[in-house]
Amino acid sequence: MKKNAGMLILFILLGWLTGTWIAKLLLPVKSLSFLTSSTMLEWSPAANLDIINYDINIEFKFCLLSLIGIITAVWLYRRL
């Protein structure tokens, strides 16, 4: 398999998604709350120019398990 930037981004997104799903499954377990507590990263650029008006809202949700998923995905990508 040929390595390229698109494949790396796909691996990172799948690792992030897998880590988040595992965190949601482990949410009821109180002793693992340090792995499942999440932090929101928000970015909201907006502008009102006379001919164009835009307002974009982008939110990223990170937890320790999603970070572990991203690291594992990059490790798997490098092993290919």
PDB file of N, CA and C in Angstrom:
ATOM      1  N   MET A   1       0.837  -1.174   0.000  1.00  0.00           N
ATOM      2  CA  MET A   1       0.000   0.000   0.000  1.00  0.00           C
ATOM      3  C   MET A   1       0.887   1.243   0.000  1.00  0.00           C
ATOM      4  N   LYS A   2       0.537   2.182  -0.852  1.00  0.00           N
ATOM      5  CA  LYS A   2       1.313   3.406  -0.948  1.00  0.00           C
ATOM      6  C   LYS A   2       0.880   4.389   0.141  1.00  0.00           C
ATOM      7  N   LYS A   3       1.864   4.957   0.838  1.00  0.00           N
ATOM      8  CA  LYS A   3       1.568   5.936   1.888  1.00  0.00           C
ATOM      9  C   LYS A   3       1.441   7.325   1.267  1.00  0.00           C
ATOM     10  N   ASN A   4       0.408   8.044   1.684  1.00  0.00           N
ATOM     11  CA  ASN A   4       0.244   9.427   1.261  1.00  0.00           C
ATOM     12  C   ASN A   4      -0.507  10.191   2.350  1.00  0.00           C
ATOM     13  N   ALA A   5      -0.633  11.471   2.178  1.00  0.00           N
ATOM     14  CA  ALA A   5      -1.246  12.326   3.199  1.00  0.00           C
ATOM     15  C   ALA A   5      -2.731  12.008   3.383  1.00  0.00           C
ATOM     16  N   GLY A   6      -3.421  11.674   2.325  1.00  0.00           N
ATOM     17  CA  GLY A   6      -4.829  11.347   2.427  1.00  0.00           C
ATOM     18  C   GLY A   6      -5.071  10.110   3.284  1.00  0.00           C
ATOM     19  N   MET A   7      -4.214   9.107   3.109  1.00  0.00           N
ATOM     20  CA  MET A   7      -4.341   7.892   3.905  1.00  0.00           C
ATOM     21  C   MET A   7      -4.029   8.168   5.374  1.00  0.00           C
ATOM     22  N   LEU A   8      -3.049   9.030   5.648  1.00  0.00           N
ATOM     23  CA  LEU A   8      -2.726   9.396   7.025  1.00  0.00           C
ATOM     24  C   LEU A   8      -3.893  10.115   7.686  1.00  0.00           C
ATOM     25  N   ILE A   9      -4.522  11.039   6.987  1.00  0.00           N
ATOM     26  CA  ILE A   9      -5.674  11.759   7.525  1.00  0.00           C
ATOM     27  C   ILE A   9      -6.828  10.797   7.788  1.00  0.00           C
ATOM     28  N   LEU A  10      -7.038   9.833   6.887  1.00  0.00           N
ATOM     29  CA  LEU A  10      -8.080   8.833   7.095  1.00  0.00           C
ATOM     30  C   LEU A  10      -7.798   7.999   8.340  1.00  0.00           C
ATOM     31  N   PHE A  11      -6.561   7.573   8.523  1.00  0.00           N
ATOM     32  CA  PHE A  11      -6.187   6.801   9.711  1.00  0.00           C
ATOM     33  C   PHE A  11      -6.410   7.626  10.972  1.00  0.00           C
ATOM     34  N   ILE A  12      -6.014   8.895  10.957  1.00  0.00           N
ATOM     35  CA  ILE A  12      -6.184   9.751  12.129  1.00  0.00           C
ATOM     36  C   ILE A  12      -7.658   9.929  12.468  1.00  0.00           C
ATOM     37  N   LEU A  13      -8.493  10.180  11.470  1.00  0.00           N
ATOM     38  CA  LEU A  13      -9.927  10.353  11.720  1.00  0.00           C
ATOM     39  C   LEU A  13     -10.571   9.071  12.235  1.00  0.00           C
ATOM     40  N   LEU A  14     -10.177   7.929  11.675  1.00  0.00           N
ATOM     41  CA  LEU A  14     -10.730   6.659  12.152  1.00  0.00           C
ATOM     42  C   LEU A  14     -10.261   6.335  13.566  1.00  0.00           C
ATOM     43  N   GLY A  15      -9.019   6.656  13.893  1.00  0.00           N
ATOM     44  CA  GLY A  15      -8.523   6.455  15.250  1.00  0.00           C
ATOM     45  C   GLY A  15      -9.237   7.352  16.239  1.00  0.00           C
ATOM     46  N   TRP A  16      -9.457   8.607  15.850  1.00  0.00           N
ATOM     47  CA  TRP A  16     -10.178   9.558  16.697  1.00  0.00           C
ATOM     48  C   TRP A  16     -11.607   9.078  16.935  1.00  0.00           C
ATOM     49  N   LEU A  17     -12.268   8.642  15.872  1.00  0.00           N
ATOM     50  CA  LEU A  17     -13.636   8.157  15.979  1.00  0.00           C
ATOM     51  C   LEU A  17     -13.719   6.904  16.840  1.00  0.00           C
ATOM     52  N   THR A  18     -12.794   5.978  16.661  1.00  0.00           N
ATOM     53  CA  THR A  18     -12.781   4.753  17.465  1.00  0.00           C
ATOM     54  C   THR A  18     -12.554   5.064  18.938  1.00  0.00           C
ATOM     55  N   GLY A  19     -11.611   5.945  19.233  1.00  0.00           N
ATOM     56  CA  GLY A  19     -11.368   6.337  20.616  1.00  0.00           C
ATOM     57  C   GLY A  19     -12.572   7.007  21.255  1.00  0.00           C
ATOM     58  N   THR A  20     -13.273   7.808  20.497  1.00  0.00           N
ATOM     59  CA  THR A  20     -14.467   8.477  21.011  1.00  0.00           C
ATOM     60  C   THR A  20     -15.586   7.483  21.263  1.00  0.00           C
ATOM     61  N   TRP A  21     -15.759   6.504  20.372  1.00  0.00           N
ATOM     62  CA  TRP A  21     -16.775   5.472  20.574  1.00  0.00           C
ATOM     63  C   TRP A  21     -16.478   4.646  21.816  1.00  0.00           C
ATOM     64  N   ILE A  22     -15.213   4.292  22.009  1.00  0.00           N
ATOM     65  CA  ILE A  22     -14.836   3.530  23.207  1.00  0.00           C
ATOM     66  C   ILE A  22     -15.096   4.370  24.460  1.00  0.00           C
ATOM     67  N   ALA A  23     -14.805   5.661  24.394  1.00  0.00           N
ATOM     68  CA  ALA A  23     -15.061   6.550  25.533  1.00  0.00           C
ATOM     69  C   ALA A  23     -16.557   6.617  25.845  1.00  0.00           C
ATOM     70  N   LYS A  24     -17.404   6.646  24.822  1.00  0.00           N
ATOM     71  CA  LYS A  24     -18.853   6.670  25.059  1.00  0.00           C
ATOM     72  C   LYS A  24     -19.320   5.363  25.679  1.00  0.00           C
ATOM     73  N   LEU A  25     -18.719   4.249  25.271  1.00  0.00           N
ATOM     74  CA  LEU A  25     -19.095   2.960  25.857  1.00  0.00           C
ATOM     75  C   LEU A  25     -18.673   2.870  27.316  1.00  0.00           C
ATOM     76  N   LEU A  26     -17.544   3.474  27.667  1.00  0.00           N
ATOM     77  CA  LEU A  26     -17.031   3.412  29.030  1.00  0.00           C
ATOM     78  C   LEU A  26     -17.524   4.549  29.916  1.00  0.00           C
ATOM     79  N   LEU A  27     -18.386   5.401  29.404  1.00  0.00           N
ATOM     80  CA  LEU A  27     -18.888   6.544  30.166  1.00  0.00           C
ATOM     81  C   LEU A  27     -19.586   6.160  31.468  1.00  0.00           C
ATOM     82  N   PRO A  28     -20.368   5.072  31.528  1.00  0.00           N
ATOM     83  CA  PRO A  28     -21.019   4.711  32.806  1.00  0.00           C
ATOM     84  C   PRO A  28     -20.056   4.215  33.886  1.00  0.00           C
ATOM     85  N   VAL A  29     -18.842   3.831  33.512  1.00  0.00           N
ATOM     86  CA  VAL A  29     -17.883   3.317  34.498  1.00  0.00           C
ATOM     87  C   VAL A  29     -17.231   4.505  35.201  1.00  0.00           C
ATOM     88  N   LYS A  30     -17.545   4.705  36.470  1.00  0.00           N
ATOM     89  CA  LYS A  30     -17.076   5.880  37.210  1.00  0.00           C
ATOM     90  C   LYS A  30     -15.568   5.861  37.452  1.00  0.00           C
ATOM     91  N   SER A  31     -14.979   4.674  37.602  1.00  0.00           N
ATOM     92  CA  SER A  31     -13.544   4.604  37.894  1.00  0.00           C
ATOM     93  C   SER A  31     -12.685   4.979  36.688  1.00  0.00           C
ATOM     94  N   LEU A  32     -13.269   5.027  35.480  1.00  0.00           N
ATOM     95  CA  LEU A  32     -12.529   5.408  34.278  1.00  0.00           C
ATOM     96  C   LEU A  32     -12.890   6.808  33.790  1.00  0.00           C
ATOM     97  N   SER A  33     -13.378   7.636  34.687  1.00  0.00           N
ATOM     98  CA  SER A  33     -13.814   8.973  34.276  1.00  0.00           C
ATOM     99  C   SER A  33     -12.660   9.839  33.786  1.00  0.00           C
ATOM    100  N   PHE A  34     -11.432   9.558  34.223  1.00  0.00           N
ATOM    101  CA  PHE A  34     -10.289  10.336  33.730  1.00  0.00           C
ATOM    102  C   PHE A  34     -10.012  10.043  32.257  1.00  0.00           C
ATOM    103  N   LEU A  35     -10.445   8.894  31.759  1.00  0.00           N
ATOM    104  CA  LEU A  35     -10.275   8.574  30.339  1.00  0.00           C
ATOM    105  C   LEU A  35     -11.406   9.122  29.477  1.00  0.00           C
ATOM    106  N   THR A  36     -12.579   9.266  30.062  1.00  0.00           N
ATOM    107  CA  THR A  36     -13.754   9.629  29.270  1.00  0.00           C
ATOM    108  C   THR A  36     -14.167  11.092  29.372  1.00  0.00           C
ATOM    109  N   SER A  37     -13.600  11.845  30.292  1.00  0.00           N
ATOM    110  CA  SER A  37     -13.968  13.266  30.376  1.00  0.00           C
ATOM    111  C   SER A  37     -13.385  13.996  29.173  1.00  0.00           C
ATOM    112  N   SER A  38     -14.201  14.815  28.544  1.00  0.00           N
ATOM    113  CA  SER A  38     -13.789  15.439  27.291  1.00  0.00           C
ATOM    114  C   SER A  38     -13.665  16.952  27.420  1.00  0.00           C
ATOM    115  N   THR A  39     -12.923  17.509  26.489  1.00  0.00           N
ATOM    116  CA  THR A  39     -12.707  18.943  26.397  1.00  0.00           C
ATOM    117  C   THR A  39     -13.118  19.403  25.007  1.00  0.00           C
ATOM    118  N   MET A  40     -13.849  20.495  24.952  1.00  0.00           N
ATOM    119  CA  MET A  40     -14.286  21.040  23.669  1.00  0.00           C
ATOM    120  C   MET A  40     -13.302  22.110  23.201  1.00  0.00           C
ATOM    121  N   LEU A  41     -12.966  22.048  21.943  1.00  0.00           N
ATOM    122  CA  LEU A  41     -12.149  23.062  21.299  1.00  0.00           C
ATOM    123  C   LEU A  41     -13.029  23.695  20.229  1.00  0.00           C
ATOM    124  N   GLU A  42     -13.292  24.984  20.375  1.00  0.00           N
ATOM    125  CA  GLU A  42     -14.216  25.671  19.473  1.00  0.00           C
ATOM    126  C   GLU A  42     -13.515  26.776  18.697  1.00  0.00           C
ATOM    127  N   TRP A  43     -13.962  26.946  17.447  1.00  0.00           N
ATOM    128  CA  TRP A  43     -13.458  28.027  16.609  1.00  0.00           C
ATOM    129  C   TRP A  43     -14.634  28.555  15.813  1.00  0.00           C
ATOM    130  N   SER A  44     -14.906  29.848  15.938  1.00  0.00           N
ATOM    131  CA  SER A  44     -16.078  30.437  15.288  1.00  0.00           C
ATOM    132  C   SER A  44     -15.702  31.706  14.534  1.00  0.00           C
ATOM    133  N   PRO A  45     -15.169  31.559  13.328  1.00  0.00           N
ATOM    134  CA  PRO A  45     -14.887  32.765  12.542  1.00  0.00           C
ATOM    135  C   PRO A  45     -16.190  33.326  11.959  1.00  0.00           C
ATOM    136  N   ALA A  46     -16.277  34.632  11.937  1.00  0.00           N
ATOM    137  CA  ALA A  46     -17.453  35.292  11.389  1.00  0.00           C
ATOM    138  C   ALA A  46     -17.035  36.625  10.788  1.00  0.00           C
ATOM    139  N   ALA A  47     -17.740  37.022   9.751  1.00  0.00           N
ATOM    140  CA  ALA A  47     -17.475  38.322   9.131  1.00  0.00           C
ATOM    141  C   ALA A  47     -18.759  38.832   8.479  1.00  0.00           C
ATOM    142  N   ASN A  48     -18.894  40.125   8.479  1.00  0.00           N
ATOM    143  CA  ASN A  48     -20.011  40.755   7.806  1.00  0.00           C
ATOM    144  C   ASN A  48     -19.439  41.811   6.875  1.00  0.00           C
ATOM    145  N   LEU A  49     -19.147  41.395   5.664  1.00  0.00           N
ATOM    146  CA  LEU A  49     -18.699  42.322   4.639  1.00  0.00           C
ATOM    147  C   LEU A  49     -19.947  42.781   3.887  1.00  0.00           C
ATOM    148  N   ASP A  50     -19.871  43.838   3.184  1.00  0.00           N
ATOM    149  CA  ASP A  50     -21.072  44.376   2.555  1.00  0.00           C
ATOM    150  C   ASP A  50     -21.705  43.420   1.544  1.00  0.00           C
ATOM    151  N   ILE A  51     -20.898  42.653   0.860  1.00  0.00           N
ATOM    152  CA  ILE A  51     -21.467  41.778  -0.167  1.00  0.00           C
ATOM    153  C   ILE A  51     -21.546  40.312   0.259  1.00  0.00           C
ATOM    154  N   ILE A  52     -20.912  39.972   1.363  1.00  0.00           N
ATOM    155  CA  ILE A  52     -20.945  38.589   1.832  1.00  0.00           C
ATOM    156  C   ILE A  52     -20.968  38.575   3.360  1.00  0.00           C
ATOM    157  N   ASN A  53     -21.694  37.619   3.891  1.00  0.00           N
ATOM    158  CA  ASN A  53     -21.818  37.469   5.333  1.00  0.00           C
ATOM    159  C   ASN A  53     -21.639  35.985   5.646  1.00  0.00           C
ATOM    160  N   TYR A  54     -20.706  35.657   6.548  1.00  0.00           N
ATOM    161  CA  TYR A  54     -20.546  34.249   6.910  1.00  0.00           C
ATOM    162  C   TYR A  54     -20.319  34.110   8.403  1.00  0.00           C
ATOM    163  N   ASP A  55     -20.742  32.964   8.885  1.00  0.00           N
ATOM    164  CA  ASP A  55     -20.592  32.606  10.297  1.00  0.00           C
ATOM    165  C   ASP A  55     -20.386  31.096  10.348  1.00  0.00           C
ATOM    166  N   ILE A  56     -19.195  30.666  10.703  1.00  0.00           N
ATOM    167  CA  ILE A  56     -18.844  29.250  10.735  1.00  0.00           C
ATOM    168  C   ILE A  56     -18.573  28.851  12.177  1.00  0.00           C
ATOM    169  N   ASN A  57     -19.079  27.697  12.568  1.00  0.00           N
ATOM    170  CA  ASN A  57     -18.863  27.199  13.915  1.00  0.00           C
ATOM    171  C   ASN A  57     -18.254  25.803  13.811  1.00  0.00           C
ATOM    172  N   ILE A  58     -17.031  25.641  14.288  1.00  0.00           N
ATOM    173  CA  ILE A  58     -16.333  24.360  14.257  1.00  0.00           C
ATOM    174  C   ILE A  58     -16.004  23.963  15.688  1.00  0.00           C
ATOM    175  N   GLU A  59     -16.395  22.741  16.058  1.00  0.00           N
ATOM    176  CA  GLU A  59     -16.148  22.245  17.410  1.00  0.00           C
ATOM    177  C   GLU A  59     -15.460  20.893  17.329  1.00  0.00           C
ATOM    178  N   PHE A  60     -14.410  20.725  18.124  1.00  0.00           N
ATOM    179  CA  PHE A  60     -13.704  19.452  18.241  1.00  0.00           C
ATOM    180  C   PHE A  60     -13.843  18.977  19.679  1.00  0.00           C
ATOM    181  N   LYS A  61     -14.120  17.705  19.853  1.00  0.00           N
ATOM    182  CA  LYS A  61     -14.276  17.138  21.186  1.00  0.00           C
ATOM    183  C   LYS A  61     -13.148  16.121  21.401  1.00  0.00           C
ATOM    184  N   PHE A  62     -12.299  16.397  22.390  1.00  0.00           N
ATOM    185  CA  PHE A  62     -11.167  15.538  22.687  1.00  0.00           C
ATOM    186  C   PHE A  62     -11.310  14.932  24.073  1.00  0.00           C
ATOM    187  N   CYS A  63     -10.936  13.669  24.203  1.00  0.00           N
ATOM    188  CA  CYS A  63     -10.779  13.025  25.496  1.00  0.00           C
ATOM    189  C   CYS A  63      -9.503  12.191  25.422  1.00  0.00           C
ATOM    190  N   LEU A  64      -9.086  11.653  26.527  1.00  0.00           N
ATOM    191  CA  LEU A  64      -7.834  10.908  26.565  1.00  0.00           C
ATOM    192  C   LEU A  64      -7.901   9.661  25.681  1.00  0.00           C
ATOM    193  N   LEU A  65      -9.037   8.995  25.652  1.00  0.00           N
ATOM    194  CA  LEU A  65      -9.162   7.812  24.800  1.00  0.00           C
ATOM    195  C   LEU A  65      -9.131   8.166  23.312  1.00  0.00           C
ATOM    196  N   SER A  66      -9.674   9.299  22.918  1.00  0.00           N
ATOM    197  CA  SER A  66      -9.595   9.692  21.516  1.00  0.00           C
ATOM    198  C   SER A  66      -8.155  10.036  21.139  1.00  0.00           C
ATOM    199  N   LEU A  67      -7.416  10.624  22.076  1.00  0.00           N
ATOM    200  CA  LEU A  67      -6.000  10.900  21.828  1.00  0.00           C
ATOM    201  C   LEU A  67      -5.205   9.603  21.691  1.00  0.00           C
ATOM    202  N   ILE A  68      -5.520   8.617  22.533  1.00  0.00           N
ATOM    203  CA  ILE A  68      -4.876   7.310  22.425  1.00  0.00           C
ATOM    204  C   ILE A  68      -5.223   6.659  21.084  1.00  0.00           C
ATOM    205  N   GLY A  69      -6.458   6.820  20.630  1.00  0.00           N
ATOM    206  CA  GLY A  69      -6.869   6.299  19.327  1.00  0.00           C
ATOM    207  C   GLY A  69      -6.108   6.941  18.187  1.00  0.00           C
ATOM    208  N   ILE A  70      -5.878   8.253  18.267  1.00  0.00           N
ATOM    209  CA  ILE A  70      -5.116   8.956  17.226  1.00  0.00           C
ATOM    210  C   ILE A  70      -3.670   8.474  17.212  1.00  0.00           C
ATOM    211  N   ILE A  71      -3.069   8.331  18.391  1.00  0.00           N
ATOM    212  CA  ILE A  71      -1.682   7.873  18.474  1.00  0.00           C
ATOM    213  C   ILE A  71      -1.555   6.449  17.937  1.00  0.00           C
ATOM    214  N   THR A  72      -2.518   5.596  18.268  1.00  0.00           N
ATOM    215  CA  THR A  72      -2.507   4.223  17.758  1.00  0.00           C
ATOM    216  C   THR A  72      -2.672   4.202  16.236  1.00  0.00           C
ATOM    217  N   ALA A  73      -3.522   5.060  15.712  1.00  0.00           N
ATOM    218  CA  ALA A  73      -3.729   5.118  14.266  1.00  0.00           C
ATOM    219  C   ALA A  73      -2.460   5.556  13.540  1.00  0.00           C
ATOM    220  N   VAL A  74      -1.762   6.548  14.089  1.00  0.00           N
ATOM    221  CA  VAL A  74      -0.499   6.991  13.466  1.00  0.00           C
ATOM    222  C   VAL A  74       0.535   5.880  13.547  1.00  0.00           C
ATOM    223  N   TRP A  75       0.584   5.155  14.659  1.00  0.00           N
ATOM    224  CA  TRP A  75       1.504   4.043  14.808  1.00  0.00           C
ATOM    225  C   TRP A  75       1.190   2.940  13.779  1.00  0.00           C
ATOM    226  N   LEU A  76      -0.092   2.618  13.605  1.00  0.00           N
ATOM    227  CA  LEU A  76      -0.472   1.622  12.601  1.00  0.00           C
ATOM    228  C   LEU A  76      -0.144   2.079  11.191  1.00  0.00           C
ATOM    229  N   TYR A  77      -0.332   3.370  10.915  1.00  0.00           N
ATOM    230  CA  TYR A  77       0.003   3.913   9.594  1.00  0.00           C
ATOM    231  C   TYR A  77       1.493   3.763   9.305  1.00  0.00           C
ATOM    232  N   ARG A  78       2.312   4.028  10.303  1.00  0.00           N
ATOM    233  CA  ARG A  78       3.755   3.926  10.114  1.00  0.00           C
ATOM    234  C   ARG A  78       4.200   2.476   9.945  1.00  0.00           C
ATOM    235  N   ARG A  79       3.442   1.541  10.509  1.00  0.00           N
ATOM    236  CA  ARG A  79       3.778   0.117  10.395  1.00  0.00           C
ATOM    237  C   ARG A  79       3.434  -0.442   9.017  1.00  0.00           C
ATOM    238  N   LEU A  80       2.612   0.233   8.240  1.00  0.00           N
ATOM    239  CA  LEU A  80       2.236  -0.256   6.901  1.00  0.00           C
ATOM    240  C   LEU A  80       3.429  -0.307   5.974  1.00  0.00           C
TER     241      LEU A  80
END
